N, C-alpha and C. Protein backbone atom coordinates (compact mmCIF):
# COMPACT_ATOMS: atom_id res chain seq x y z
N ARG A 1 11.50 -9.43 18.46
CA ARG A 1 11.22 -9.68 17.07
C ARG A 1 10.45 -9.19 16.23
N PHE A 2 10.68 -8.04 15.96
CA PHE A 2 9.83 -7.15 15.10
C PHE A 2 10.28 -7.06 13.81
N ILE A 3 9.55 -7.17 12.70
CA ILE A 3 9.59 -7.35 11.28
C ILE A 3 9.33 -5.88 10.73
N CYS A 4 9.62 -5.55 9.51
CA CYS A 4 9.24 -4.03 8.75
C CYS A 4 8.57 -4.44 7.49
N ILE A 5 7.71 -3.65 7.31
CA ILE A 5 6.87 -3.84 6.37
C ILE A 5 6.75 -2.61 5.46
N TYR A 6 7.33 -2.20 4.56
CA TYR A 6 7.03 -0.87 3.88
C TYR A 6 5.95 -1.14 2.20
N PRO A 7 5.20 -0.16 2.14
CA PRO A 7 4.25 -0.32 1.21
C PRO A 7 4.61 -0.51 0.06
N ALA A 8 5.64 -0.77 -0.63
CA ALA A 8 6.27 -0.98 -1.82
C ALA A 8 6.35 -2.54 -1.74
N TYR A 9 6.53 -3.25 -0.72
CA TYR A 9 6.40 -4.80 -0.72
C TYR A 9 5.10 -5.26 -1.31
N LEU A 10 4.04 -4.54 -1.13
CA LEU A 10 2.86 -4.91 -1.64
C LEU A 10 2.22 -4.17 -2.78
N ASN A 11 3.08 -3.44 -3.59
CA ASN A 11 2.38 -2.79 -4.77
C ASN A 11 2.67 -3.10 -5.81
N ASN A 12 1.46 -3.47 -6.75
CA ASN A 12 1.43 -4.15 -7.91
C ASN A 12 2.01 -3.00 -8.90
N LYS A 13 1.99 -1.96 -8.65
CA LYS A 13 2.94 -1.08 -9.57
C LYS A 13 4.29 -1.21 -9.71
N LYS A 14 4.59 -1.78 -8.54
CA LYS A 14 6.12 -1.71 -8.59
C LYS A 14 6.76 -3.10 -9.25
N THR A 15 8.11 -3.22 -9.84
CA THR A 15 8.51 -4.52 -10.07
C THR A 15 9.44 -5.03 -9.01
N ILE A 16 9.60 -6.30 -9.06
CA ILE A 16 10.74 -6.85 -8.19
C ILE A 16 11.86 -6.19 -7.79
N ALA A 17 12.37 -5.38 -9.05
CA ALA A 17 13.65 -4.86 -8.65
C ALA A 17 13.21 -3.52 -7.97
N GLU A 18 12.31 -3.01 -8.12
CA GLU A 18 11.75 -1.62 -7.28
C GLU A 18 11.63 -2.18 -5.82
N GLY A 19 11.43 -3.38 -5.66
CA GLY A 19 11.17 -3.80 -4.16
C GLY A 19 9.86 -4.58 -3.97
N ARG A 20 8.86 -4.63 -5.07
CA ARG A 20 7.71 -5.85 -4.62
C ARG A 20 8.34 -7.15 -4.34
N ARG A 21 7.73 -7.76 -2.81
CA ARG A 21 8.03 -8.51 -2.41
C ARG A 21 7.40 -10.06 -2.67
N ILE A 22 5.95 -9.65 -3.15
CA ILE A 22 5.20 -10.73 -3.19
C ILE A 22 4.61 -10.84 -4.66
N PRO A 23 3.94 -11.89 -5.14
CA PRO A 23 3.57 -12.16 -6.62
C PRO A 23 2.56 -11.13 -7.13
N ILE A 24 2.89 -10.53 -8.36
CA ILE A 24 2.02 -9.27 -8.84
C ILE A 24 0.51 -9.83 -8.69
N ASP A 25 0.03 -10.81 -8.99
CA ASP A 25 -1.19 -11.32 -9.06
C ASP A 25 -1.84 -10.91 -7.45
N LYS A 26 -1.14 -11.16 -6.62
CA LYS A 26 -1.70 -10.95 -5.26
C LYS A 26 -1.36 -9.60 -4.66
N ALA A 27 -0.89 -8.63 -5.23
CA ALA A 27 -0.35 -7.62 -4.68
C ALA A 27 -1.28 -6.36 -5.06
N VAL A 28 -1.59 -5.40 -4.17
CA VAL A 28 -2.49 -4.36 -4.17
C VAL A 28 -2.03 -3.07 -5.05
N GLU A 29 -2.65 -2.41 -5.72
CA GLU A 29 -2.40 -1.10 -6.11
C GLU A 29 -2.39 0.09 -5.02
N ASN A 30 -1.36 0.29 -5.15
CA ASN A 30 -0.56 1.68 -4.24
C ASN A 30 -1.24 1.78 -2.65
N PRO A 31 -0.73 0.54 -1.77
CA PRO A 31 -1.37 0.68 -0.55
C PRO A 31 -0.36 1.44 0.36
N THR A 32 -0.93 2.09 1.29
CA THR A 32 -0.45 2.98 2.27
C THR A 32 -0.12 2.30 3.66
N SER A 33 0.91 2.84 4.23
CA SER A 33 1.23 2.41 5.32
C SER A 33 0.10 2.11 6.66
N THR A 34 -0.69 3.04 6.63
CA THR A 34 -1.82 3.05 7.51
C THR A 34 -3.00 2.01 7.36
N GLU A 35 -2.95 1.79 5.73
CA GLU A 35 -3.81 0.42 5.50
C GLU A 35 -3.16 -0.62 6.19
N ILE A 36 -1.83 -0.85 5.74
CA ILE A 36 -1.33 -1.90 6.54
C ILE A 36 -1.35 -2.15 8.07
N GLN A 37 -1.06 -1.06 8.80
CA GLN A 37 -1.35 -1.17 10.01
C GLN A 37 -2.66 -1.42 10.43
N ASP A 38 -3.64 -1.05 9.96
CA ASP A 38 -5.23 -1.27 10.07
C ASP A 38 -5.38 -2.63 10.08
N VAL A 39 -5.11 -3.29 8.94
CA VAL A 39 -5.21 -4.46 8.68
C VAL A 39 -4.47 -5.60 9.65
N CYS A 40 -3.02 -5.34 9.67
CA CYS A 40 -2.42 -6.06 11.03
C CYS A 40 -3.02 -5.73 12.18
N ALA A 41 -3.27 -4.81 12.73
CA ALA A 41 -3.73 -4.67 14.12
C ALA A 41 -5.14 -5.30 14.40
N ALA A 42 -5.97 -5.18 13.39
CA ALA A 42 -7.34 -5.88 13.29
C ALA A 42 -7.23 -7.42 13.61
N VAL A 43 -5.89 -7.96 13.00
CA VAL A 43 -6.03 -9.51 13.30
C VAL A 43 -5.38 -9.72 14.35
N GLY A 44 -4.89 -8.65 15.32
CA GLY A 44 -4.35 -8.99 16.56
C GLY A 44 -2.79 -8.81 16.89
N PHE A 45 -2.15 -8.36 15.80
CA PHE A 45 -0.63 -8.05 16.01
C PHE A 45 -0.28 -7.04 16.98
N ASN A 46 1.04 -7.01 17.35
CA ASN A 46 1.42 -5.77 17.98
C ASN A 46 2.02 -5.00 17.00
N VAL A 47 1.68 -3.66 16.60
CA VAL A 47 2.18 -3.11 15.47
C VAL A 47 2.31 -1.50 16.09
N PHE A 48 3.31 -1.08 15.28
CA PHE A 48 3.96 0.20 15.11
C PHE A 48 4.06 0.80 13.91
N LEU A 49 3.35 2.09 13.75
CA LEU A 49 3.67 2.88 12.55
C LEU A 49 4.54 4.02 12.59
N GLU A 50 5.43 3.79 11.80
CA GLU A 50 6.75 4.90 11.97
C GLU A 50 6.42 5.68 10.37
N LYS A 51 5.74 7.12 10.73
CA LYS A 51 5.50 7.78 9.34
C LYS A 51 6.63 8.21 8.38
N ASN A 52 7.68 8.80 9.21
CA ASN A 52 8.54 9.27 8.34
C ASN A 52 9.77 8.51 8.02
N LYS A 53 9.37 7.55 8.11
CA LYS A 53 10.38 6.49 7.40
C LYS A 53 10.29 5.98 5.85
N MET A 54 11.32 5.93 5.25
CA MET A 54 10.97 5.78 3.79
C MET A 54 11.56 4.71 3.19
N TYR A 55 11.07 3.87 2.42
CA TYR A 55 11.77 2.59 1.74
C TYR A 55 13.11 2.99 0.79
N PRO A 56 14.07 2.62 1.22
CA PRO A 56 15.34 3.39 0.47
C PRO A 56 15.31 3.11 -1.01
N ARG A 57 14.76 2.24 -1.76
CA ARG A 57 14.60 2.20 -3.06
C ARG A 57 13.49 3.15 -3.95
N GLU A 58 12.91 3.56 -2.81
CA GLU A 58 11.48 4.65 -3.15
C GLU A 58 12.13 5.86 -3.69
N TRP A 59 11.73 6.23 -4.95
CA TRP A 59 12.35 7.68 -5.41
C TRP A 59 11.49 8.49 -5.14
N ASN A 60 10.22 8.21 -5.01
CA ASN A 60 9.09 9.02 -4.98
C ASN A 60 9.19 9.82 -3.43
N ARG A 61 9.20 11.15 -3.15
CA ARG A 61 9.24 11.41 -1.91
C ARG A 61 7.96 12.05 -1.34
N ASP A 62 6.66 11.66 -1.96
CA ASP A 62 5.33 11.93 -1.68
C ASP A 62 5.04 11.19 -0.35
N VAL A 63 4.36 11.93 0.44
CA VAL A 63 3.75 11.44 1.65
C VAL A 63 3.07 10.31 1.23
N GLN A 64 2.45 10.11 0.33
CA GLN A 64 1.52 8.66 0.25
C GLN A 64 2.38 7.73 0.23
N TYR A 65 3.90 7.84 -0.30
CA TYR A 65 4.78 6.85 -0.36
C TYR A 65 5.71 6.17 0.94
N ARG A 66 5.43 7.42 2.03
CA ARG A 66 6.46 7.51 3.19
C ARG A 66 5.44 6.39 4.11
N GLY A 67 6.32 6.00 5.25
CA GLY A 67 5.76 5.08 6.28
C GLY A 67 6.49 3.76 6.18
N ARG A 68 6.57 3.26 7.30
CA ARG A 68 6.81 1.91 7.63
C ARG A 68 5.70 1.19 8.94
N VAL A 69 5.85 -0.04 8.54
CA VAL A 69 4.97 -0.73 9.65
C VAL A 69 5.77 -1.74 10.28
N ARG A 70 5.96 -1.64 11.88
CA ARG A 70 6.98 -2.47 12.46
C ARG A 70 5.95 -3.66 13.19
N ILE A 71 6.37 -5.07 12.92
CA ILE A 71 5.27 -5.68 13.22
C ILE A 71 5.88 -6.82 14.44
N GLN A 72 5.51 -7.21 15.29
CA GLN A 72 6.12 -8.11 16.39
C GLN A 72 5.74 -9.66 15.95
N LEU A 73 6.62 -10.36 14.94
CA LEU A 73 6.26 -11.49 14.46
C LEU A 73 6.27 -12.68 15.55
N LYS A 74 7.56 -12.45 16.08
CA LYS A 74 7.62 -13.76 17.05
C LYS A 74 7.78 -13.04 18.70
N GLN A 75 7.50 -14.02 19.67
CA GLN A 75 7.97 -13.64 21.06
C GLN A 75 9.31 -13.68 21.39
N ASP A 76 9.39 -13.47 22.38
CA ASP A 76 11.17 -13.46 22.88
C ASP A 76 11.82 -14.72 23.01
N ASP A 77 10.77 -16.04 22.91
CA ASP A 77 11.22 -17.14 22.88
C ASP A 77 11.23 -17.83 21.41
N GLY A 78 10.84 -17.10 20.66
CA GLY A 78 11.16 -17.58 19.25
C GLY A 78 9.71 -18.05 18.59
N ASN A 79 8.92 -18.08 19.70
CA ASN A 79 7.35 -18.77 18.76
C ASN A 79 6.86 -17.42 18.45
N PRO A 80 6.01 -17.89 17.30
CA PRO A 80 5.18 -16.77 16.63
C PRO A 80 4.03 -16.18 17.66
N CYS A 81 3.74 -15.10 17.27
CA CYS A 81 2.91 -14.54 18.18
C CYS A 81 1.58 -15.03 17.99
N LEU A 82 1.24 -15.08 16.39
CA LEU A 82 0.11 -15.69 16.11
C LEU A 82 0.32 -16.92 15.33
N PRO A 83 -0.09 -18.00 15.44
CA PRO A 83 0.37 -19.22 14.73
C PRO A 83 0.03 -19.40 13.34
N GLN A 84 -1.00 -18.52 12.79
CA GLN A 84 -1.40 -18.85 11.64
C GLN A 84 -0.44 -18.13 10.47
N PHE A 85 0.26 -16.90 11.32
CA PHE A 85 1.28 -16.27 10.66
C PHE A 85 2.61 -16.58 11.07
N PRO A 86 3.38 -17.69 10.71
CA PRO A 86 4.63 -17.86 11.10
C PRO A 86 5.81 -17.27 10.33
N THR A 87 5.23 -16.82 9.10
CA THR A 87 6.32 -16.19 8.52
C THR A 87 6.26 -14.36 8.07
N ARG A 88 7.03 -13.78 7.62
CA ARG A 88 6.81 -12.71 7.25
C ARG A 88 6.12 -12.71 6.09
N LYS A 89 6.64 -13.52 5.32
CA LYS A 89 5.56 -13.49 3.96
C LYS A 89 4.40 -13.80 4.09
N SER A 90 4.16 -14.78 4.85
CA SER A 90 2.67 -15.14 5.56
C SER A 90 1.65 -13.72 5.98
N VAL A 91 2.48 -12.98 6.41
CA VAL A 91 1.96 -11.62 6.92
C VAL A 91 1.65 -10.48 5.75
N MET A 92 2.53 -10.37 4.69
CA MET A 92 2.50 -9.80 3.64
C MET A 92 1.37 -10.16 2.52
N LEU A 93 1.21 -11.32 2.74
CA LEU A 93 0.35 -12.02 1.78
C LEU A 93 -1.10 -11.89 2.24
N TYR A 94 -1.30 -11.92 3.76
CA TYR A 94 -2.44 -11.75 4.26
C TYR A 94 -2.96 -10.00 4.19
N ALA A 95 -1.76 -9.36 4.33
CA ALA A 95 -2.19 -7.63 4.25
C ALA A 95 -2.60 -7.25 2.68
N ALA A 96 -2.10 -8.04 1.79
CA ALA A 96 -2.51 -7.69 0.25
C ALA A 96 -3.80 -8.19 -0.07
N GLU A 97 -4.03 -9.36 0.86
CA GLU A 97 -5.35 -9.81 0.26
C GLU A 97 -6.69 -9.34 1.18
N THR A 98 -6.22 -8.35 2.21
CA THR A 98 -7.53 -7.95 2.83
C THR A 98 -7.62 -6.31 2.82
N ILE A 99 -6.25 -5.68 2.12
CA ILE A 99 -6.50 -4.34 2.09
C ILE A 99 -7.50 -3.64 1.09
N PRO A 100 -8.00 -4.72 -0.06
CA PRO A 100 -8.73 -4.25 -0.74
C PRO A 100 -10.45 -4.19 -0.17
N LYS A 101 -10.39 -4.95 0.58
CA LYS A 101 -11.77 -5.25 1.52
C LYS A 101 -12.03 -4.21 2.50
N LEU A 102 -10.91 -3.30 2.76
CA LEU A 102 -11.52 -2.11 3.95
C LEU A 102 -12.32 -1.17 3.24
N LYS A 103 -12.73 -0.58 4.39
CA LYS A 103 -14.07 0.52 4.18
C LYS A 103 -13.66 1.68 2.92
N THR A 104 -12.43 2.02 3.33
CA THR A 104 -12.09 3.36 2.38
C THR A 104 -11.92 2.73 1.19
N ARG A 105 -11.40 1.77 0.76
CA ARG A 105 -11.10 1.13 -0.61
C ARG A 105 -12.71 1.00 -0.98
N THR A 106 -13.05 0.48 -0.57
CA THR A 106 -14.66 0.36 -1.45
C THR A 106 -15.38 1.54 -1.52
N GLN A 107 -15.47 2.40 -0.44
CA GLN A 107 -16.41 3.70 -0.98
C GLN A 107 -15.61 4.61 -1.70
N LYS A 108 -14.28 4.46 -1.71
CA LYS A 108 -13.52 5.17 -3.11
C LYS A 108 -13.86 4.85 -4.41
N MET A 109 -14.11 3.85 -4.71
CA MET A 109 -14.43 2.81 -5.94
C MET A 109 -15.55 3.19 -6.48
N GLY A 110 -16.57 3.39 -5.51
CA GLY A 110 -18.09 3.85 -5.80
C GLY A 110 -18.33 5.02 -6.32
N GLY A 111 -17.92 6.36 -5.57
CA GLY A 111 -18.18 7.37 -5.90
C GLY A 111 -17.39 8.28 -6.89
N SER A 112 -16.58 7.63 -7.70
CA SER A 112 -15.49 8.86 -8.52
C SER A 112 -16.01 8.92 -9.99
N ASP A 113 -17.26 8.26 -10.41
CA ASP A 113 -17.41 8.39 -11.70
C ASP A 113 -17.99 9.81 -12.16
N GLN A 114 -18.75 10.44 -11.18
CA GLN A 114 -19.06 11.80 -11.58
C GLN A 114 -18.21 12.77 -11.69
N SER A 115 -16.80 12.88 -11.18
CA SER A 115 -15.96 14.07 -11.29
C SER A 115 -15.19 13.91 -12.61
N LEU A 116 -14.89 12.52 -13.20
CA LEU A 116 -14.32 12.41 -14.21
C LEU A 116 -14.47 13.27 -15.81
N GLN A 117 -16.23 13.52 -15.76
CA GLN A 117 -16.33 14.31 -17.05
C GLN A 117 -16.56 15.89 -16.85
N GLN A 118 -15.17 16.32 -16.83
CA GLN A 118 -15.41 18.09 -16.80
C GLN A 118 -14.26 18.53 -17.91
N GLY A 119 -14.18 19.83 -18.29
CA GLY A 119 -13.38 20.41 -18.89
C GLY A 119 -13.23 19.98 -20.28
N GLU A 120 -14.70 19.68 -20.98
CA GLU A 120 -14.98 19.68 -22.32
C GLU A 120 -15.00 21.00 -22.86
N GLY A 121 -14.64 21.19 -24.19
CA GLY A 121 -14.93 22.15 -24.77
C GLY A 121 -13.90 23.55 -24.42
N GLY A 122 -12.77 23.28 -24.63
CA GLY A 122 -11.65 24.33 -24.36
C GLY A 122 -11.54 25.39 -25.35
N LYS A 123 -10.52 26.10 -25.34
CA LYS A 123 -10.31 27.30 -26.08
C LYS A 123 -9.89 26.91 -27.67
N LYS A 124 -10.60 26.95 -28.49
CA LYS A 124 -10.35 26.55 -29.72
C LYS A 124 -9.75 27.44 -30.66
N GLY A 125 -8.88 27.10 -31.95
CA GLY A 125 -8.33 28.15 -32.69
C GLY A 125 -7.73 29.27 -32.05
N LYS A 126 -6.73 28.98 -31.66
CA LYS A 126 -5.61 30.30 -30.85
C LYS A 126 -4.99 30.57 -31.66
N GLY A 127 -4.52 29.72 -32.85
CA GLY A 127 -3.18 30.07 -33.38
C GLY A 127 -3.63 31.01 -34.51
N LYS A 128 -2.65 31.19 -35.40
CA LYS A 128 -2.74 31.92 -36.71
C LYS A 128 -3.23 31.16 -37.84
N LYS A 129 -4.41 31.60 -38.60
CA LYS A 129 -4.87 31.11 -39.76
C LYS A 129 -4.01 31.14 -41.05
N LYS A 130 -4.14 29.75 -41.71
CA LYS A 130 -3.09 29.68 -42.72
C LYS A 130 -4.20 30.33 -43.93
N LYS A 131 -3.58 30.97 -45.08
CA LYS A 131 -4.72 31.11 -46.12
C LYS A 131 -4.15 30.58 -47.33
């Protein structure tokens, strides 16, 4: 009893028609399949990452949007593996809530201010002058 979670399910940049499955206020900005795998493995799920799989509605073929996470939600007898996550939606909401707290996410936000202010003062007056 494995379920599939694609990053598009948790992406707040997507609409419901494009594949988002949770409310936009709970969704995450551009999650990756490895982040979903890390979060679910940390809580104790049996997790497989399939790197080369793609969400069918995803038009962008970049590596960032690839990947699918397979999670064992229920055991063979039908009981949930973890009682706090009985449904696939509860797993998706937990992953979306926990991904912003990852170390990789918090470090990226802190050090990106210096590289923004570059490239000022380009070539000016390259056209013909009117008299």
